């Protein structure tokens, strides 16, 4: 079947491609040279797409409004609820409870595995930098008691956190990207499937980049506890007896994932029955509608946040005012991320309104395009942006916007199902994880807390991030063969 892909690029098409390239260059210059905040830089570069591709000025202004509105309707609620949920979990000692219980269960010999699992679970609701601050004292304690290198326990912790922070909702990155992609093909963002696939590929990835690589690099770089941290370590840590029960915390962390997965699977089954022309019993349909309702990401996170507010807040002695203050504190950084993802939505909208999206599709794809080709393009585009400007969030937002803009123009040989969206989201997430270096704030955060030189940080943290990126993406490709 002949499609528009058979048509060679025209002069006007090349102008649009150059316009998109110029807008991305503006984005990078604003962030790297002038240190403009990512929200402003994305918004300005989005407008540049319109200007450089010859859009009419009124259409540019309308596209800014439409792009922001279409993105934030879903993203703002989910990221905001997730932030409040994670803040209360952290303040109640829930994250520390998970780490200490896992350590007690595995023993000292397998402590590196316990730290990897703790990081994997905790970074689902808690931002990576916050999780590191909470759990680094436990890493210091293990290092002091065993005399091993700080990296022996630290790398597994970082690997577990980095994997789920990148690819398991309700962390902001996969929420934003999946919403861009799903909106492009008029479906609901399949966060339940993304969480399931993210865990399937994420756990073996964390094992390779965590305990396995951590054990290897610890033999080559021996790090003691930083001097500035020794005095803090001498102070008595939180009384473990006062921490919330491990099973309660674990249930709360997993609840939104299970609800979203149940909703996604229910949607898939109902759609399959409808396509097959099978009638569904009215009583059964009512029950399934309840599952679809509570499995919607916003409802699932709202229920989880309310449960967290009660069980880890009010029932553990937190006053209403304290919980309100924690919520306000959580919404500060969440608001910045929401604005960045909203600006990414404007970028996506401008690519479509200018006609550059169709041109990008013609330049990236051909009649023989496969799922592998689409996943590879998503990974590579995002990885390039990550390497150049550093921020994983900006890389995911930019890569997600670019790929979302071409989805409606995919050839007939490539399908765009919820499962495809989940796999694309993970490809973009792992692309945004590639080789953290000096232009990434995470590089300096890890360097400080581990007391490492830049060379040591490159050899440990940067390599670990690269392992996560490459292994994770390869596993996504393998998963795409069976789902």
Protein backbone atom coordinates (compact mmCIF):
# COMPACT_ATOMS: atom_id res chain seq x y z
CA UNK A 1 0.00 0.00 0.00
CA UNK A 2 1.41 3.37 -1.00
CA UNK A 3 1.69 6.07 1.66
CA UNK A 4 3.04 9.58 1.87
CA UNK A 5 6.40 8.04 2.86
CA UNK A 6 7.07 7.33 -0.78
CA UNK A 7 7.25 11.06 -1.48
CA UNK A 8 10.69 12.68 -1.39
CA UNK A 9 11.28 15.62 0.92
CA UNK A 10 10.63 18.98 -0.71
CA UNK A 11 12.36 22.32 -0.13
CA UNK A 12 9.52 23.30 2.21
CA UNK A 13 10.02 20.04 4.13
CA UNK A 14 13.71 20.78 4.57
CA UNK A 15 12.84 24.26 5.82
CA UNK A 16 10.66 22.69 8.48
CA UNK A 17 13.37 20.24 9.51
CA UNK A 18 15.90 23.06 9.74
CA UNK A 19 13.36 25.03 11.76
CA UNK A 20 12.95 22.20 14.28
CA UNK A 21 16.72 21.76 14.46
CA UNK A 22 17.15 25.49 15.03
CA UNK A 23 14.53 25.47 17.79
CA UNK A 24 16.30 22.59 19.56
CA UNK A 25 19.58 24.51 19.24
CA UNK A 26 17.90 27.51 20.88
CA UNK A 27 16.74 25.23 23.71
CA UNK A 28 20.25 23.93 24.31
CA UNK A 29 21.87 27.37 24.15
CA UNK A 30 19.35 28.84 26.59
CA UNK A 31 19.94 26.03 29.10
CA UNK A 32 23.69 25.51 28.70
CA UNK A 33 24.96 29.01 27.98
CA UNK A 34 22.47 31.38 29.56
CA UNK A 35 21.28 29.02 32.35
CA UNK A 36 17.63 29.79 31.60
CA UNK A 37 15.16 27.66 33.57
CA UNK A 38 13.97 24.62 31.61
CA UNK A 39 10.34 25.81 31.63
CA UNK A 40 11.18 29.13 30.00
CA UNK A 41 13.70 27.54 27.64
CA UNK A 42 11.17 24.97 26.41
CA UNK A 43 8.48 27.60 25.98
CA UNK A 44 10.78 29.91 23.99
CA UNK A 45 12.08 27.08 21.81
CA UNK A 46 8.49 25.97 21.14
CA UNK A 47 7.66 29.44 19.85
CA UNK A 48 10.82 29.28 17.75
CA UNK A 49 9.46 26.14 16.04
CA UNK A 50 6.51 28.22 14.86
CA UNK A 51 8.62 31.20 13.83
CA UNK A 52 11.30 29.16 12.04
CA UNK A 53 8.77 27.04 10.13
CA UNK A 54 6.73 30.02 8.92
CA UNK A 55 3.57 29.68 11.03
CA UNK A 56 1.23 32.65 11.27
CA UNK A 57 1.64 34.57 14.54
CA UNK A 58 -1.96 34.12 15.78
CA UNK A 59 -1.65 30.34 15.22
CA UNK A 60 1.59 30.29 17.22
CA UNK A 61 -0.11 31.97 20.19
CA UNK A 62 -3.11 29.63 19.98
CA UNK A 63 -0.83 26.59 19.78
CA UNK A 64 0.95 27.67 22.97
CA UNK A 65 -2.38 27.83 24.77
CA UNK A 66 -3.69 24.57 23.32
CA UNK A 67 -0.49 22.66 24.01
CA UNK A 68 -0.33 23.75 27.63
CA UNK A 69 -4.03 23.03 28.22
CA UNK A 70 -4.03 19.57 26.63
CA UNK A 71 -0.98 18.44 28.60
CA UNK A 72 -1.73 19.70 32.08
CA UNK A 73 -5.28 18.39 32.41
CA UNK A 74 -3.94 14.92 33.23
CA UNK A 75 -0.33 15.52 34.22
CA UNK A 76 -0.88 18.18 36.89
CA UNK A 77 -3.26 16.05 38.96
CA UNK A 78 -1.17 12.87 38.77
CA UNK A 79 2.19 14.51 39.54
CA UNK A 80 0.69 16.62 42.33
CA UNK A 81 -0.96 13.64 44.04
CA UNK A 82 2.17 11.54 43.62
CA UNK A 83 4.31 14.26 45.21
CA UNK A 84 2.05 14.54 48.28
CA UNK A 85 1.96 10.75 48.61
CA UNK A 86 5.76 10.55 48.50
CA UNK A 87 6.30 13.44 50.91
CA UNK A 88 4.10 11.91 53.63
CA UNK A 89 5.76 8.52 53.09
CA UNK A 90 9.18 10.11 53.57
CA UNK A 91 8.21 12.21 56.61
CA UNK A 92 6.64 9.24 58.40
CA UNK A 93 9.81 7.18 58.13
CA UNK A 94 8.26 4.78 55.63
CA UNK A 95 11.28 4.81 53.32
CA UNK A 96 13.65 4.04 56.19
CA UNK A 97 11.33 1.28 57.38
CA UNK A 98 11.56 -0.44 54.00
CA UNK A 99 15.37 -0.26 53.94
CA UNK A 100 15.87 -1.47 57.51
CA UNK A 101 13.43 -4.36 57.15
CA UNK A 102 15.04 -5.55 53.93
CA UNK A 103 18.48 -5.34 55.53
CA UNK A 104 17.29 -7.36 58.50
CA UNK A 105 15.85 -9.99 56.18
CA UNK A 106 18.89 -10.38 53.93
CA UNK A 107 21.65 -10.06 56.50
CA UNK A 108 25.00 -8.36 56.14
CA UNK A 109 26.28 -10.70 53.40
CA UNK A 110 23.47 -9.73 51.05
CA UNK A 111 23.12 -6.15 52.21
CA UNK A 112 23.95 -4.79 48.76
CA UNK A 113 20.93 -6.63 47.36
CA UNK A 114 18.77 -5.24 50.15
CA UNK A 115 19.88 -1.71 49.32
CA UNK A 116 19.08 -2.28 45.64
CA UNK A 117 15.58 -3.53 46.49
CA UNK A 118 15.05 -0.69 48.95
CA UNK A 119 16.03 1.88 46.32
CA UNK A 120 13.84 0.15 43.72
CA UNK A 121 10.74 0.34 45.95
CA UNK A 122 11.31 3.73 47.55
CA UNK A 123 11.96 5.67 44.37
CA UNK A 124 8.54 4.74 42.98
CA UNK A 125 6.79 7.38 45.13
CA UNK A 126 9.83 9.38 46.33
CA UNK A 127 12.10 11.52 44.11
CA UNK A 128 15.62 10.12 43.70
CA UNK A 129 17.44 13.00 45.37
CA UNK A 130 15.11 12.85 48.38
CA UNK A 131 15.48 9.07 48.62
CA UNK A 132 19.27 9.40 48.59
CA UNK A 133 19.24 11.93 51.42
CA UNK A 134 16.95 9.66 53.49
CA UNK A 135 18.89 6.42 53.01
CA UNK A 136 22.52 7.51 52.72
CA UNK A 137 22.98 7.29 56.53
CA UNK A 138 22.20 3.55 56.30
CA UNK A 139 24.84 3.20 53.59
CA UNK A 140 27.31 5.06 55.82
CA UNK A 141 26.50 2.75 58.75
CA UNK A 142 27.04 -0.40 56.67
CA UNK A 143 30.33 1.00 55.38
CA UNK A 144 31.52 1.81 58.89
CA UNK A 145 30.60 -1.62 60.26
CA UNK A 146 31.95 -3.75 57.39
CA UNK A 147 34.93 -1.62 56.29
CA UNK A 148 33.93 -2.17 52.67
CA UNK A 149 33.98 0.58 50.05
CA UNK A 150 31.08 3.00 50.22
CA UNK A 151 30.33 2.05 46.61
CA UNK A 152 29.64 -1.58 47.57
CA UNK A 153 26.34 -0.51 49.11
CA UNK A 154 25.88 2.89 47.49
CA UNK A 155 25.85 1.82 43.85
CA UNK A 156 23.11 -0.81 44.40
CA UNK A 157 21.01 1.80 46.21
CA UNK A 158 21.51 4.34 43.42
CA UNK A 159 20.80 1.76 40.71
CA UNK A 160 17.52 0.70 42.29
CA UNK A 161 16.40 4.32 42.67
CA UNK A 162 17.55 5.40 39.20
CA UNK A 163 15.66 2.59 37.46
CA UNK A 164 12.26 3.13 39.04
CA UNK A 165 12.64 6.92 39.02
CA UNK A 166 13.01 6.69 35.24
CA UNK A 167 10.43 4.09 34.29
CA UNK A 168 7.84 3.29 36.98
CA UNK A 169 4.91 5.70 37.55
CA UNK A 170 3.95 7.75 39.51
CA UNK A 171 7.37 9.36 38.99
CA UNK A 172 6.95 12.42 36.72
CA UNK A 173 9.03 11.36 33.70
CA UNK A 174 7.01 8.37 32.48
CA UNK A 175 3.75 10.15 33.36
CA UNK A 176 4.60 13.11 31.12
CA UNK A 177 5.96 11.06 28.22
CA UNK A 178 3.13 8.51 28.21
CA UNK A 179 0.58 11.32 28.24
CA UNK A 180 2.19 12.95 25.19
CA UNK A 181 2.27 9.63 23.32
CA UNK A 182 -1.22 8.50 24.32
CA UNK A 183 -2.75 11.88 23.53
CA UNK A 184 -1.24 11.73 20.03
CA UNK A 185 -3.25 8.58 19.21
CA UNK A 186 -6.32 9.47 21.31
CA UNK A 187 -6.05 6.84 24.04
CA UNK A 188 -5.66 7.05 27.82
CA UNK A 189 -2.07 6.95 29.07
CA UNK A 190 -1.48 3.27 30.02
CA UNK A 191 0.32 3.91 33.31
CA UNK A 192 -0.63 0.47 34.63
CA UNK A 193 1.10 -1.27 31.71
CA UNK A 194 4.09 1.07 31.99
CA UNK A 195 4.44 0.18 35.68
CA UNK A 196 4.20 -3.55 34.89
CA UNK A 197 6.67 -3.43 31.98
CA UNK A 198 8.91 -1.08 33.96
CA UNK A 199 9.18 -3.61 36.78
CA UNK A 200 9.70 -6.51 34.36
CA UNK A 201 12.67 -4.87 32.63
CA UNK A 202 13.71 -2.67 35.56
CA UNK A 203 14.48 -5.31 38.17
CA UNK A 204 17.05 -7.27 36.12
CA UNK A 205 18.50 -3.95 34.95
CA UNK A 206 18.91 -2.81 38.57
CA UNK A 207 20.57 -6.13 39.44
CA UNK A 208 23.18 -5.75 36.69
CA UNK A 209 23.86 -2.08 37.38
CA UNK A 210 23.56 -2.44 41.17
CA UNK A 211 24.93 -5.44 43.10
CA UNK A 212 26.89 -6.86 40.15
CA UNK A 213 28.55 -3.65 38.94
CA UNK A 214 28.72 -2.29 42.51
CA UNK A 215 30.73 -5.29 43.68
CA UNK A 216 33.11 -4.90 40.73
CA UNK A 217 33.71 -1.15 41.05
CA UNK A 218 34.03 -1.32 44.86
CA UNK A 219 37.14 -3.47 44.44
CA UNK A 220 38.74 -0.79 42.28
CA UNK A 221 37.65 2.37 44.11
CA UNK A 222 37.74 2.22 47.89
CA UNK A 223 35.78 5.03 49.49
CA UNK A 224 35.43 5.77 53.18
CA UNK A 225 32.63 7.77 54.74
CA UNK A 226 33.09 11.49 53.91
CA UNK A 227 34.55 13.46 56.82
CA UNK A 228 31.62 15.85 56.96
CA UNK A 229 29.24 12.90 57.38
CA UNK A 230 31.00 11.25 60.31
CA UNK A 231 29.72 13.72 62.88
CA UNK A 232 26.18 13.38 61.56
CA UNK A 233 26.50 9.60 61.69
CA UNK A 234 27.56 9.79 65.31
CA UNK A 235 24.16 11.27 66.16
CA UNK A 236 21.60 8.60 66.98
CA UNK A 237 19.38 7.76 63.98
CA UNK A 238 15.62 7.54 64.15
CA UNK A 239 14.45 4.83 66.59
CA UNK A 240 13.55 1.83 64.37
CA UNK A 241 10.79 0.85 66.81
CA UNK A 242 8.96 4.08 65.96
CA UNK A 243 9.03 3.51 62.21
CA UNK A 244 5.79 2.47 60.47
CA UNK A 245 5.31 -1.27 59.82
CA UNK A 246 7.06 -2.56 56.72
CA UNK A 247 4.04 -4.43 55.34
CA UNK A 248 1.86 -1.33 55.66
CA UNK A 249 4.40 0.80 53.80
CA UNK A 250 4.89 -1.86 51.13
CA UNK A 251 1.13 -2.17 50.61
CA UNK A 252 0.78 1.60 50.24
CA UNK A 253 3.64 1.80 47.70
CA UNK A 254 2.21 -1.03 45.61
CA UNK A 255 -1.46 0.00 45.86
CA UNK A 256 -1.51 2.62 43.07
CA UNK A 257 0.50 0.35 40.78
CA UNK A 258 -1.91 -2.55 41.30
CA UNK A 259 -4.97 -0.34 40.86
CA UNK A 260 -3.63 1.17 37.63
CA UNK A 261 -2.66 -2.26 36.32
CA UNK A 262 -6.12 -3.64 37.12
CA UNK A 263 -7.70 -0.69 35.31
CA UNK A 264 -5.45 -1.16 32.26
CA UNK A 265 -6.11 -4.89 32.01
CA UNK A 266 -9.85 -4.33 32.40
CA UNK A 267 -9.82 -1.74 29.62
CA UNK A 268 -7.90 -4.12 27.37
CA UNK A 269 -10.32 -6.99 27.99
CA UNK A 270 -13.45 -4.87 27.44
CA UNK A 271 -12.04 -3.38 24.23
CA UNK A 272 -11.20 -6.87 23.01
CA UNK A 273 -14.73 -8.08 23.70
CA UNK A 274 -16.22 -5.07 21.91
CA UNK A 275 -14.04 -5.59 18.84
CA UNK A 276 -15.06 -9.26 18.75
CA UNK A 277 -18.72 -8.27 18.96
CA UNK A 278 -19.23 -10.18 22.22
CA UNK A 279 -21.94 -8.93 24.55
CA UNK A 280 -20.90 -8.41 28.17
CA UNK A 281 -23.35 -9.21 30.97
CA UNK A 282 -24.75 -5.98 32.45
CA UNK A 283 -23.92 -6.94 36.05
CA UNK A 284 -20.37 -7.91 35.10
CA UNK A 285 -19.99 -4.69 33.15
CA UNK A 286 -20.97 -2.64 36.23
CA UNK A 287 -18.30 -4.43 38.27
CA UNK A 288 -15.73 -3.87 35.54
CA UNK A 289 -16.65 -0.18 35.38
CA UNK A 290 -15.80 0.08 39.07
CA UNK A 291 -12.38 -1.45 38.37
CA UNK A 292 -11.84 0.95 35.48
CA UNK A 293 -12.83 3.87 37.70
CA UNK A 294 -10.53 3.07 40.64
CA UNK A 295 -7.81 2.04 38.18
CA UNK A 296 -7.73 5.43 36.48
CA UNK A 297 -4.37 7.00 37.44
CA UNK A 298 -5.91 10.09 39.04
CA UNK A 299 -8.41 8.08 41.12
CA UNK A 300 -5.81 5.44 42.04
CA UNK A 301 -3.36 8.08 43.31
CA UNK A 302 -6.11 10.05 45.05
CA UNK A 303 -7.21 6.93 46.97
CA UNK A 304 -3.59 6.10 47.83
CA UNK A 305 -2.87 9.64 49.00
CA UNK A 306 -5.97 9.63 51.24
CA UNK A 307 -4.92 6.25 52.68
CA UNK A 308 -1.38 7.53 53.26
CA UNK A 309 -2.72 10.70 54.88
CA UNK A 310 -4.73 8.58 57.35
CA UNK A 311 -2.47 5.59 58.09
CA UNK A 312 0.99 7.21 57.97
CA UNK A 313 -0.21 10.66 59.01
CA UNK A 314 -3.17 11.04 61.34
CA UNK A 315 -2.91 7.56 62.90
CA UNK A 316 0.78 8.14 63.68
CA UNK A 317 0.26 11.44 65.47
CA UNK A 318 0.64 13.95 62.64
CA UNK A 319 -1.64 16.94 63.05
CA UNK A 320 -3.79 18.19 60.22
CA UNK A 321 -1.67 21.33 60.02
CA UNK A 322 1.54 19.29 59.78
CA UNK A 323 0.10 17.22 56.94
CA UNK A 324 -1.03 20.38 55.19
CA UNK A 325 2.48 21.82 55.50
CA UNK A 326 3.95 18.60 54.09
CA UNK A 327 1.55 18.77 51.15
CA UNK A 328 2.49 22.39 50.46
CA UNK A 329 6.17 21.47 50.64
CA UNK A 330 5.66 18.61 48.17
CA UNK A 331 3.83 20.78 45.66
CA UNK A 332 6.74 23.23 45.38
CA UNK A 333 9.10 21.00 43.34
CA UNK A 334 6.11 19.24 41.78
CA UNK A 335 4.89 22.57 40.41
CA UNK A 336 8.19 23.14 38.60
CA UNK A 337 8.03 19.70 37.01
CA UNK A 338 4.40 20.27 36.00
CA UNK A 339 5.34 23.52 34.26
CA UNK A 340 8.24 21.84 32.44
CA UNK A 341 6.02 19.04 31.20
CA UNK A 342 3.38 21.59 30.19
CA UNK A 343 5.99 23.41 28.12
CA UNK A 344 6.90 20.08 26.55
CA UNK A 345 3.25 19.75 25.56
CA UNK A 346 3.49 23.14 23.86
CA UNK A 347 6.55 21.92 21.96
CA UNK A 348 4.61 18.84 20.78
CA UNK A 349 1.62 20.96 19.80
CA UNK A 350 3.80 23.36 17.80
CA UNK A 351 5.42 20.50 15.89
CA UNK A 352 1.99 19.28 14.83
CA UNK A 353 0.48 22.68 14.02
CA UNK A 354 3.47 23.71 11.91
CA UNK A 355 3.42 20.52 9.83
CA UNK A 356 6.93 19.69 11.01
CA UNK A 357 5.67 16.47 12.64
CA UNK A 358 4.68 14.95 9.30
CA UNK A 359 8.02 15.96 7.83
CA UNK A 360 9.85 14.42 10.79
CA UNK A 361 7.94 11.20 10.21
CA UNK A 362 9.00 11.13 6.56
CA UNK A 363 12.62 11.75 7.49
CA UNK A 364 12.72 9.21 10.34
CA UNK A 365 10.60 6.39 8.96
CA UNK A 366 10.12 4.40 5.78
CA UNK A 367 7.71 1.80 4.46
CA UNK A 368 9.61 -1.04 6.15
CA UNK A 369 9.64 0.59 9.59
CA UNK A 370 9.15 -1.83 12.48
CA UNK A 371 8.61 -1.55 16.20
CA UNK A 372 12.38 -1.91 16.62
CA UNK A 373 12.97 1.10 14.36
CA UNK A 374 10.50 3.28 16.27
CA UNK A 375 11.86 2.21 19.66
CA UNK A 376 15.42 2.81 18.44
CA UNK A 377 14.58 6.30 17.16
CA UNK A 378 12.91 7.17 20.47
CA UNK A 379 15.91 5.95 22.45
CA UNK A 380 18.57 7.65 20.34
CA UNK A 381 16.82 11.02 20.04
CA UNK A 382 16.34 11.21 23.80
CA UNK A 383 19.88 10.01 24.53
CA UNK A 384 21.38 12.75 22.35
CA UNK A 385 19.41 15.46 24.16
CA UNK A 386 20.42 13.94 27.51
CA UNK A 387 24.13 13.92 26.66
CA UNK A 388 24.12 17.50 25.40
CA UNK A 389 22.13 19.30 28.10
CA UNK A 390 22.26 16.93 31.11
CA UNK A 391 18.77 17.01 32.60
CA UNK A 392 16.95 13.67 32.37
CA UNK A 393 13.60 15.43 32.78
CA UNK A 394 14.23 17.83 29.89
CA UNK A 395 15.54 14.94 27.77
CA UNK A 396 12.40 12.88 28.41
CA UNK A 397 10.08 15.82 27.76
CA UNK A 398 11.86 16.75 24.52
CA UNK A 399 12.19 13.18 23.27
CA UNK A 400 8.59 12.42 24.20
CA UNK A 401 7.32 15.50 22.36
CA UNK A 402 9.29 14.67 19.22
CA UNK A 403 8.14 11.06 19.07
CA UNK A 404 4.54 11.93 19.99
CA UNK A 405 4.42 14.37 17.10
CA UNK A 406 5.19 11.63 14.56
CA UNK A 407 2.92 8.90 15.99
CA UNK A 408 -0.18 9.95 14.01
CA UNK A 409 1.95 9.74 10.84
CA UNK A 410 3.30 6.23 11.38
CA UNK A 411 3.12 3.84 8.41
CA UNK A 412 0.39 1.20 8.29
CA UNK A 413 2.92 -1.50 9.11
CA UNK A 414 3.35 -0.16 12.64
CA UNK A 415 0.53 -0.35 15.19
CA UNK A 416 0.02 2.09 18.05
CA UNK A 417 -1.63 0.19 20.90
CA UNK A 418 -1.41 0.89 24.67
CA UNK A 419 1.34 -1.72 24.82
CA UNK A 420 3.28 0.13 22.10
CA UNK A 421 2.93 3.38 24.04
CA UNK A 422 4.27 1.67 27.18
CA UNK A 423 7.30 0.32 25.30
CA UNK A 424 7.97 3.69 23.66
CA UNK A 425 7.76 5.41 27.04
CA UNK A 426 10.34 3.03 28.50
CA UNK A 427 12.65 3.48 25.49
CA UNK A 428 12.56 7.24 26.00
CA UNK A 429 13.08 6.81 29.76
CA UNK A 430 16.18 4.66 29.29
CA UNK A 431 17.50 7.04 26.63
CA UNK A 432 17.23 9.86 29.16
CA UNK A 433 19.32 7.85 31.64
CA UNK A 434 22.43 7.54 29.46
CA UNK A 435 25.77 8.69 30.91
CA UNK A 436 25.12 11.35 33.53
CA UNK A 437 28.05 13.75 33.58
CA UNK A 438 29.05 17.26 34.68
CA UNK A 439 26.02 19.02 33.17
CA UNK A 440 23.64 16.89 35.28
CA UNK A 441 22.80 17.99 38.83
CA UNK A 442 22.57 14.33 39.84
CA UNK A 443 26.28 13.92 39.05
CA UNK A 444 27.24 16.53 41.63
CA UNK A 445 24.71 15.31 44.21
CA UNK A 446 26.20 11.81 44.13
CA UNK A 447 29.74 13.19 44.09
CA UNK A 448 29.07 15.18 47.27
CA UNK A 449 27.31 12.49 49.29
CA UNK A 450 29.92 9.87 48.38
CA UNK A 451 32.89 12.19 48.77
CA UNK A 452 34.20 11.38 45.27
CA UNK A 453 36.38 13.24 42.82
CA UNK A 454 35.02 13.94 39.35
CA UNK A 455 37.10 11.04 37.96
CA UNK A 456 35.70 8.62 40.55
CA UNK A 457 32.14 9.83 39.88
CA UNK A 458 32.60 9.22 36.15
CA UNK A 459 33.94 5.71 36.80
CA UNK A 460 31.10 4.76 39.16
CA UNK A 461 27.91 6.80 38.85
CA UNK A 462 28.22 7.70 35.15
CA UNK A 463 29.05 4.12 34.16
CA UNK A 464 26.19 2.82 36.32
CA UNK A 465 23.74 5.15 34.55
CA UNK A 466 25.04 3.97 31.17
CA UNK A 467 24.59 0.33 32.17
CA UNK A 468 21.00 1.09 33.19
CA UNK A 469 20.37 2.85 29.89
CA UNK A 470 21.81 0.16 27.61
CA UNK A 471 20.65 -2.95 29.50
CA UNK A 472 17.20 -1.46 30.10
CA UNK A 473 16.72 -0.59 26.44
CA UNK A 474 17.88 -4.02 25.25
CA UNK A 475 15.37 -5.64 27.61
CA UNK A 476 12.64 -3.35 26.23
CA UNK A 477 13.47 -4.61 22.73
CA UNK A 478 13.25 -8.20 23.94
CA UNK A 479 9.96 -7.50 25.70
CA UNK A 480 8.56 -5.98 22.51
CA UNK A 481 8.89 -9.41 20.86
CA UNK A 482 6.44 -11.04 23.26
CA UNK A 483 3.85 -8.35 24.16
